[in-house]
N, C-alpha and C. Protein backbone atom coordinates (compact mmCIF):
# COMPACT_ATOMS: atom_id res chain seq x y z
N MET A 1 20.58 -33.12 0.19
CA MET A 1 20.42 -34.36 0.95
C MET A 1 20.06 -35.53 0.03
N LYS A 2 19.24 -35.27 -0.97
CA LYS A 2 18.82 -36.35 -1.85
C LYS A 2 20.00 -36.92 -2.64
N LYS A 3 20.88 -36.03 -3.13
CA LYS A 3 22.06 -36.47 -3.88
C LYS A 3 22.95 -37.35 -3.01
N GLU A 4 23.16 -36.95 -1.76
CA GLU A 4 23.99 -37.72 -0.85
C GLU A 4 23.41 -39.11 -0.61
N LYS A 5 22.09 -39.17 -0.42
CA LYS A 5 21.45 -40.47 -0.20
C LYS A 5 21.57 -41.38 -1.42
N ILE A 6 21.39 -40.82 -2.60
CA ILE A 6 21.47 -41.63 -3.82
C ILE A 6 22.88 -42.19 -3.99
N ILE A 7 23.88 -41.33 -3.82
CA ILE A 7 25.27 -41.79 -3.97
C ILE A 7 25.59 -42.83 -2.90
N PHE A 8 25.21 -42.56 -1.65
CA PHE A 8 25.48 -43.51 -0.57
C PHE A 8 24.86 -44.86 -0.87
N TRP A 9 23.57 -44.88 -1.20
CA TRP A 9 22.90 -46.16 -1.41
C TRP A 9 23.39 -46.87 -2.66
N ALA A 10 23.76 -46.14 -3.70
CA ALA A 10 24.27 -46.78 -4.91
C ALA A 10 25.57 -47.54 -4.64
N VAL A 11 26.50 -46.88 -3.98
CA VAL A 11 27.79 -47.54 -3.73
C VAL A 11 27.68 -48.58 -2.62
N THR A 12 26.82 -48.35 -1.64
CA THR A 12 26.66 -49.31 -0.55
C THR A 12 25.98 -50.58 -1.05
N ILE A 13 25.04 -50.43 -1.98
CA ILE A 13 24.40 -51.61 -2.57
C ILE A 13 25.42 -52.42 -3.38
N LEU A 14 26.35 -51.74 -4.04
CA LEU A 14 27.42 -52.47 -4.74
C LEU A 14 28.23 -53.32 -3.76
N ILE A 15 28.58 -52.73 -2.63
CA ILE A 15 29.30 -53.48 -1.60
C ILE A 15 28.45 -54.65 -1.11
N PHE A 16 27.17 -54.38 -0.86
CA PHE A 16 26.25 -55.42 -0.40
C PHE A 16 26.19 -56.59 -1.39
N LEU A 17 26.08 -56.28 -2.66
CA LEU A 17 25.98 -57.34 -3.68
C LEU A 17 27.27 -58.15 -3.78
N MET A 18 28.41 -57.46 -3.84
CA MET A 18 29.66 -58.18 -4.07
C MET A 18 30.22 -58.84 -2.81
N GLN A 19 29.99 -58.25 -1.66
CA GLN A 19 30.58 -58.79 -0.44
C GLN A 19 29.59 -59.60 0.40
N GLY A 20 28.30 -59.43 0.15
CA GLY A 20 27.29 -60.15 0.94
C GLY A 20 26.52 -61.18 0.14
N VAL A 21 26.04 -60.78 -1.02
CA VAL A 21 25.20 -61.69 -1.81
C VAL A 21 26.04 -62.75 -2.52
N MET A 22 27.16 -62.34 -3.11
CA MET A 22 27.99 -63.31 -3.84
C MET A 22 28.46 -64.47 -2.95
N PRO A 23 28.93 -64.22 -1.73
CA PRO A 23 29.32 -65.36 -0.88
C PRO A 23 28.15 -66.28 -0.54
N ILE A 24 26.94 -65.72 -0.43
CA ILE A 24 25.78 -66.56 -0.14
C ILE A 24 25.43 -67.42 -1.35
N LEU A 25 25.51 -66.84 -2.55
CA LEU A 25 25.15 -67.57 -3.77
C LEU A 25 26.20 -68.59 -4.18
N THR A 26 27.43 -68.38 -3.75
CA THR A 26 28.51 -69.30 -4.12
C THR A 26 29.21 -69.82 -2.86
N PRO A 27 28.47 -70.53 -1.98
CA PRO A 27 29.07 -70.92 -0.71
C PRO A 27 30.22 -71.92 -0.83
N GLN A 28 30.16 -72.76 -1.82
CA GLN A 28 31.20 -73.78 -1.96
C GLN A 28 31.90 -73.68 -3.31
N ALA A 29 32.02 -72.48 -3.84
CA ALA A 29 32.65 -72.30 -5.14
C ALA A 29 34.10 -72.78 -5.10
N GLU A 30 34.42 -73.63 -6.04
CA GLU A 30 35.78 -74.19 -6.11
C GLU A 30 36.82 -73.09 -6.35
N SER A 31 36.45 -72.09 -7.15
CA SER A 31 37.41 -71.03 -7.44
C SER A 31 37.76 -70.23 -6.19
N ALA A 32 36.77 -70.03 -5.31
CA ALA A 32 37.04 -69.30 -4.06
C ALA A 32 37.97 -70.10 -3.16
N ARG A 33 37.73 -71.40 -3.06
CA ARG A 33 38.59 -72.24 -2.21
C ARG A 33 40.00 -72.32 -2.76
N THR A 34 40.12 -72.56 -4.06
CA THR A 34 41.47 -72.66 -4.62
C THR A 34 42.18 -71.32 -4.59
N GLY A 35 41.42 -70.22 -4.71
CA GLY A 35 42.03 -68.90 -4.62
C GLY A 35 42.61 -68.63 -3.25
N ALA A 36 41.87 -69.00 -2.20
CA ALA A 36 42.37 -68.82 -0.83
C ALA A 36 43.59 -69.70 -0.57
N LEU A 37 43.53 -70.94 -1.04
CA LEU A 37 44.68 -71.84 -0.87
C LEU A 37 45.90 -71.33 -1.63
N HIS A 38 45.67 -70.79 -2.83
CA HIS A 38 46.76 -70.23 -3.64
C HIS A 38 47.47 -69.09 -2.90
N LEU A 39 46.70 -68.32 -2.13
CA LEU A 39 47.28 -67.20 -1.39
C LEU A 39 47.91 -67.64 -0.07
N GLY A 40 47.77 -68.93 0.28
CA GLY A 40 48.40 -69.45 1.48
C GLY A 40 47.50 -69.48 2.70
N TYR A 41 46.22 -69.22 2.52
CA TYR A 41 45.28 -69.24 3.65
C TYR A 41 44.72 -70.64 3.83
N PRO A 42 44.44 -71.05 5.08
CA PRO A 42 43.83 -72.36 5.29
C PRO A 42 42.41 -72.39 4.74
N GLU A 43 41.90 -73.58 4.50
CA GLU A 43 40.59 -73.74 3.87
C GLU A 43 39.46 -73.14 4.71
N TYR A 44 39.55 -73.23 6.02
CA TYR A 44 38.48 -72.71 6.87
C TYR A 44 38.42 -71.18 6.85
N PHE A 45 39.50 -70.52 6.47
CA PHE A 45 39.55 -69.07 6.49
C PHE A 45 38.49 -68.45 5.58
N GLY A 46 38.25 -69.05 4.44
CA GLY A 46 37.24 -68.55 3.52
C GLY A 46 35.85 -68.57 4.12
N ASN A 47 35.54 -69.64 4.86
CA ASN A 47 34.22 -69.74 5.50
C ASN A 47 34.04 -68.67 6.58
N VAL A 48 35.07 -68.47 7.38
CA VAL A 48 35.01 -67.45 8.42
C VAL A 48 34.86 -66.06 7.79
N LEU A 49 35.59 -65.81 6.74
CA LEU A 49 35.53 -64.53 6.06
C LEU A 49 34.13 -64.27 5.48
N LYS A 50 33.51 -65.31 4.92
CA LYS A 50 32.16 -65.16 4.38
C LYS A 50 31.17 -64.76 5.46
N VAL A 51 31.26 -65.39 6.61
CA VAL A 51 30.34 -65.07 7.70
C VAL A 51 30.50 -63.61 8.12
N PHE A 52 31.73 -63.17 8.29
CA PHE A 52 31.96 -61.79 8.71
C PHE A 52 31.55 -60.79 7.62
N LYS A 53 31.74 -61.16 6.35
CA LYS A 53 31.31 -60.27 5.27
C LYS A 53 29.78 -60.12 5.28
N ILE A 54 29.07 -61.20 5.51
CA ILE A 54 27.61 -61.13 5.55
C ILE A 54 27.15 -60.26 6.70
N PHE A 55 27.72 -60.45 7.89
CA PHE A 55 27.39 -59.57 9.03
C PHE A 55 27.75 -58.12 8.73
N GLY A 56 28.89 -57.91 8.07
CA GLY A 56 29.33 -56.56 7.75
C GLY A 56 28.39 -55.83 6.81
N VAL A 57 27.97 -56.51 5.73
CA VAL A 57 27.07 -55.83 4.80
C VAL A 57 25.70 -55.59 5.43
N LEU A 58 25.26 -56.50 6.29
CA LEU A 58 23.99 -56.27 6.98
C LEU A 58 24.10 -55.04 7.88
N ALA A 59 25.24 -54.88 8.54
CA ALA A 59 25.45 -53.70 9.38
C ALA A 59 25.42 -52.42 8.56
N LEU A 60 25.93 -52.47 7.33
CA LEU A 60 25.96 -51.28 6.50
C LEU A 60 24.59 -50.90 5.94
N VAL A 61 23.77 -51.89 5.62
CA VAL A 61 22.51 -51.57 4.93
C VAL A 61 21.30 -51.46 5.85
N ILE A 62 21.38 -51.95 7.07
CA ILE A 62 20.24 -51.85 7.99
C ILE A 62 20.36 -50.53 8.75
N PRO A 63 19.42 -49.62 8.53
CA PRO A 63 19.52 -48.29 9.14
C PRO A 63 19.52 -48.29 10.67
N GLN A 64 18.90 -49.27 11.31
CA GLN A 64 18.79 -49.28 12.77
C GLN A 64 20.08 -49.71 13.47
N VAL A 65 21.04 -50.17 12.73
CA VAL A 65 22.30 -50.61 13.33
C VAL A 65 23.02 -49.38 13.90
N PRO A 66 23.52 -49.46 15.13
CA PRO A 66 24.21 -48.31 15.74
C PRO A 66 25.42 -47.86 14.91
N ARG A 67 25.71 -46.57 15.00
CA ARG A 67 26.81 -45.99 14.23
C ARG A 67 28.15 -46.65 14.53
N ARG A 68 28.38 -46.97 15.78
CA ARG A 68 29.66 -47.58 16.15
C ARG A 68 29.84 -48.94 15.46
N VAL A 69 28.78 -49.70 15.35
CA VAL A 69 28.85 -51.00 14.66
C VAL A 69 29.13 -50.78 13.18
N LYS A 70 28.49 -49.78 12.59
CA LYS A 70 28.75 -49.46 11.18
C LYS A 70 30.21 -49.07 10.97
N GLU A 71 30.77 -48.31 11.90
CA GLU A 71 32.18 -47.92 11.79
C GLU A 71 33.08 -49.16 11.79
N TRP A 72 32.76 -50.12 12.65
CA TRP A 72 33.54 -51.36 12.68
C TRP A 72 33.38 -52.15 11.40
N ALA A 73 32.18 -52.14 10.83
CA ALA A 73 31.97 -52.84 9.56
C ALA A 73 32.82 -52.19 8.46
N TYR A 74 32.81 -50.86 8.40
CA TYR A 74 33.65 -50.17 7.42
C TYR A 74 35.12 -50.52 7.64
N ALA A 75 35.56 -50.53 8.88
CA ALA A 75 36.96 -50.86 9.18
C ALA A 75 37.28 -52.29 8.76
N GLY A 76 36.37 -53.21 9.04
CA GLY A 76 36.58 -54.61 8.66
C GLY A 76 36.72 -54.79 7.16
N PHE A 77 35.86 -54.11 6.40
CA PHE A 77 35.98 -54.20 4.94
C PHE A 77 37.26 -53.54 4.45
N ALA A 78 37.65 -52.44 5.07
CA ALA A 78 38.91 -51.80 4.68
C ALA A 78 40.09 -52.74 4.91
N PHE A 79 40.11 -53.39 6.07
CA PHE A 79 41.18 -54.36 6.34
C PHE A 79 41.14 -55.50 5.32
N ASP A 80 39.95 -55.98 5.01
CA ASP A 80 39.80 -57.07 4.05
C ASP A 80 40.40 -56.68 2.70
N PHE A 81 40.06 -55.49 2.20
CA PHE A 81 40.55 -55.07 0.89
C PHE A 81 42.04 -54.79 0.90
N ILE A 82 42.53 -54.20 1.99
CA ILE A 82 43.97 -53.94 2.09
C ILE A 82 44.75 -55.25 2.12
N PHE A 83 44.29 -56.20 2.93
CA PHE A 83 45.00 -57.47 3.02
C PHE A 83 44.85 -58.32 1.76
N ALA A 84 43.73 -58.19 1.06
CA ALA A 84 43.58 -58.87 -0.22
C ALA A 84 44.60 -58.33 -1.21
N PHE A 85 44.75 -57.02 -1.24
CA PHE A 85 45.74 -56.40 -2.12
C PHE A 85 47.14 -56.90 -1.77
N ILE A 86 47.48 -56.85 -0.48
CA ILE A 86 48.82 -57.28 -0.05
C ILE A 86 49.04 -58.76 -0.38
N SER A 87 48.06 -59.61 -0.09
CA SER A 87 48.20 -61.05 -0.35
C SER A 87 48.43 -61.32 -1.83
N HIS A 88 47.64 -60.69 -2.68
CA HIS A 88 47.82 -60.91 -4.12
C HIS A 88 49.17 -60.38 -4.59
N TYR A 89 49.59 -59.25 -4.05
CA TYR A 89 50.88 -58.69 -4.46
C TYR A 89 52.04 -59.59 -4.03
N VAL A 90 51.99 -60.08 -2.79
CA VAL A 90 53.08 -60.92 -2.28
C VAL A 90 53.17 -62.24 -3.04
N VAL A 91 52.02 -62.83 -3.33
CA VAL A 91 52.02 -64.14 -3.98
C VAL A 91 52.22 -64.04 -5.49
N ASP A 92 51.51 -63.11 -6.13
CA ASP A 92 51.51 -63.05 -7.59
C ASP A 92 52.29 -61.88 -8.18
N GLY A 93 52.77 -60.98 -7.34
CA GLY A 93 53.46 -59.80 -7.85
C GLY A 93 52.46 -58.86 -8.52
N LEU A 94 52.97 -58.02 -9.39
CA LEU A 94 52.09 -57.11 -10.12
C LEU A 94 51.26 -57.92 -11.10
N SER A 95 49.97 -57.99 -10.84
CA SER A 95 49.09 -58.76 -11.70
C SER A 95 47.74 -58.07 -11.80
N PHE A 96 46.91 -58.60 -12.66
CA PHE A 96 45.57 -58.05 -12.87
C PHE A 96 44.71 -58.17 -11.61
N GLN A 97 44.98 -59.15 -10.77
CA GLN A 97 44.19 -59.38 -9.54
C GLN A 97 44.30 -58.21 -8.55
N LEU A 98 45.35 -57.42 -8.66
CA LEU A 98 45.55 -56.30 -7.73
C LEU A 98 44.50 -55.20 -7.89
N ILE A 99 43.89 -55.12 -9.05
CA ILE A 99 42.96 -54.02 -9.31
C ILE A 99 41.64 -54.17 -8.55
N PHE A 100 41.18 -55.39 -8.33
CA PHE A 100 39.87 -55.60 -7.71
C PHE A 100 39.80 -55.10 -6.26
N PRO A 101 40.76 -55.42 -5.40
CA PRO A 101 40.70 -54.84 -4.04
C PRO A 101 40.76 -53.32 -4.05
N LEU A 102 41.48 -52.74 -4.99
CA LEU A 102 41.57 -51.28 -5.06
C LEU A 102 40.24 -50.67 -5.51
N ILE A 103 39.57 -51.32 -6.45
CA ILE A 103 38.26 -50.84 -6.89
C ILE A 103 37.27 -50.88 -5.74
N PHE A 104 37.23 -52.00 -5.03
CA PHE A 104 36.29 -52.12 -3.92
C PHE A 104 36.65 -51.19 -2.77
N MET A 105 37.93 -50.95 -2.56
CA MET A 105 38.33 -50.00 -1.53
C MET A 105 37.85 -48.60 -1.88
N THR A 106 37.94 -48.24 -3.14
CA THR A 106 37.45 -46.93 -3.59
C THR A 106 35.95 -46.81 -3.38
N ILE A 107 35.20 -47.85 -3.73
CA ILE A 107 33.75 -47.86 -3.53
C ILE A 107 33.44 -47.74 -2.04
N LEU A 108 34.19 -48.46 -1.22
CA LEU A 108 33.99 -48.40 0.24
C LEU A 108 34.26 -47.00 0.77
N ILE A 109 35.29 -46.36 0.30
CA ILE A 109 35.62 -45.00 0.75
C ILE A 109 34.51 -44.03 0.38
N VAL A 110 33.97 -44.16 -0.83
CA VAL A 110 32.87 -43.29 -1.24
C VAL A 110 31.65 -43.52 -0.34
N SER A 111 31.34 -44.79 -0.06
CA SER A 111 30.23 -45.10 0.83
C SER A 111 30.45 -44.49 2.21
N TYR A 112 31.66 -44.62 2.73
CA TYR A 112 32.00 -44.09 4.05
C TYR A 112 31.86 -42.57 4.10
N ILE A 113 32.38 -41.91 3.09
CA ILE A 113 32.30 -40.44 3.04
C ILE A 113 30.84 -39.99 3.01
N TYR A 114 30.04 -40.62 2.17
CA TYR A 114 28.64 -40.20 2.06
C TYR A 114 27.80 -40.65 3.26
N TYR A 115 28.21 -41.70 3.92
CA TYR A 115 27.55 -42.07 5.18
C TYR A 115 27.71 -40.94 6.20
N HIS A 116 28.92 -40.42 6.28
CA HIS A 116 29.18 -39.33 7.23
C HIS A 116 28.54 -38.01 6.77
N LYS A 117 28.50 -37.77 5.47
CA LYS A 117 27.82 -36.57 4.99
C LYS A 117 26.34 -36.61 5.35
N MET A 118 25.71 -37.76 5.19
CA MET A 118 24.29 -37.88 5.53
C MET A 118 24.07 -37.69 7.03
N ASN A 119 24.94 -38.24 7.85
CA ASN A 119 24.80 -38.09 9.30
C ASN A 119 25.04 -36.65 9.73
N THR A 120 25.98 -35.96 9.09
CA THR A 120 26.23 -34.56 9.42
C THR A 120 25.01 -33.71 9.08
N ILE A 121 24.41 -33.97 7.94
CA ILE A 121 23.21 -33.24 7.52
C ILE A 121 22.06 -33.51 8.50
N ASN A 122 21.92 -34.79 8.90
CA ASN A 122 20.84 -35.15 9.85
C ASN A 122 21.04 -34.51 11.21
N LEU A 123 22.30 -34.36 11.65
CA LEU A 123 22.57 -33.75 12.96
C LEU A 123 22.29 -32.26 12.95
N LYS A 124 22.43 -31.62 11.79
CA LYS A 124 22.20 -30.19 11.70
C LYS A 124 20.71 -29.83 11.73
N LYS A 125 19.87 -30.79 11.41
CA LYS A 125 18.41 -30.53 11.37
C LYS A 125 17.84 -30.35 12.75
């Protein structure tokens, strides 16, 4: 159980830092705005995405949040990473930018797997 908790919290904190803390620390970053415009998204889309990312990471790290809400947060991040990959591929083709959504998707999958492992262990007790 201890190993599962360590792995879960390590990867979930990475998601929290990159998807929750970074948008808060860089609310009006020019690179984020120009990046979204480069991909063809309207300017307001970045702001909406930041709000949902912050709610999503809070749902993942607060233990009292119901399981169903956590499942939706995981799904939302999965959609975000999949669509980021697709957007970068369609606009820029095969480029270095494609690797980041895949890395975060892998981290998210590990977090999801260990979230369920911890819950399975807790249910057996």
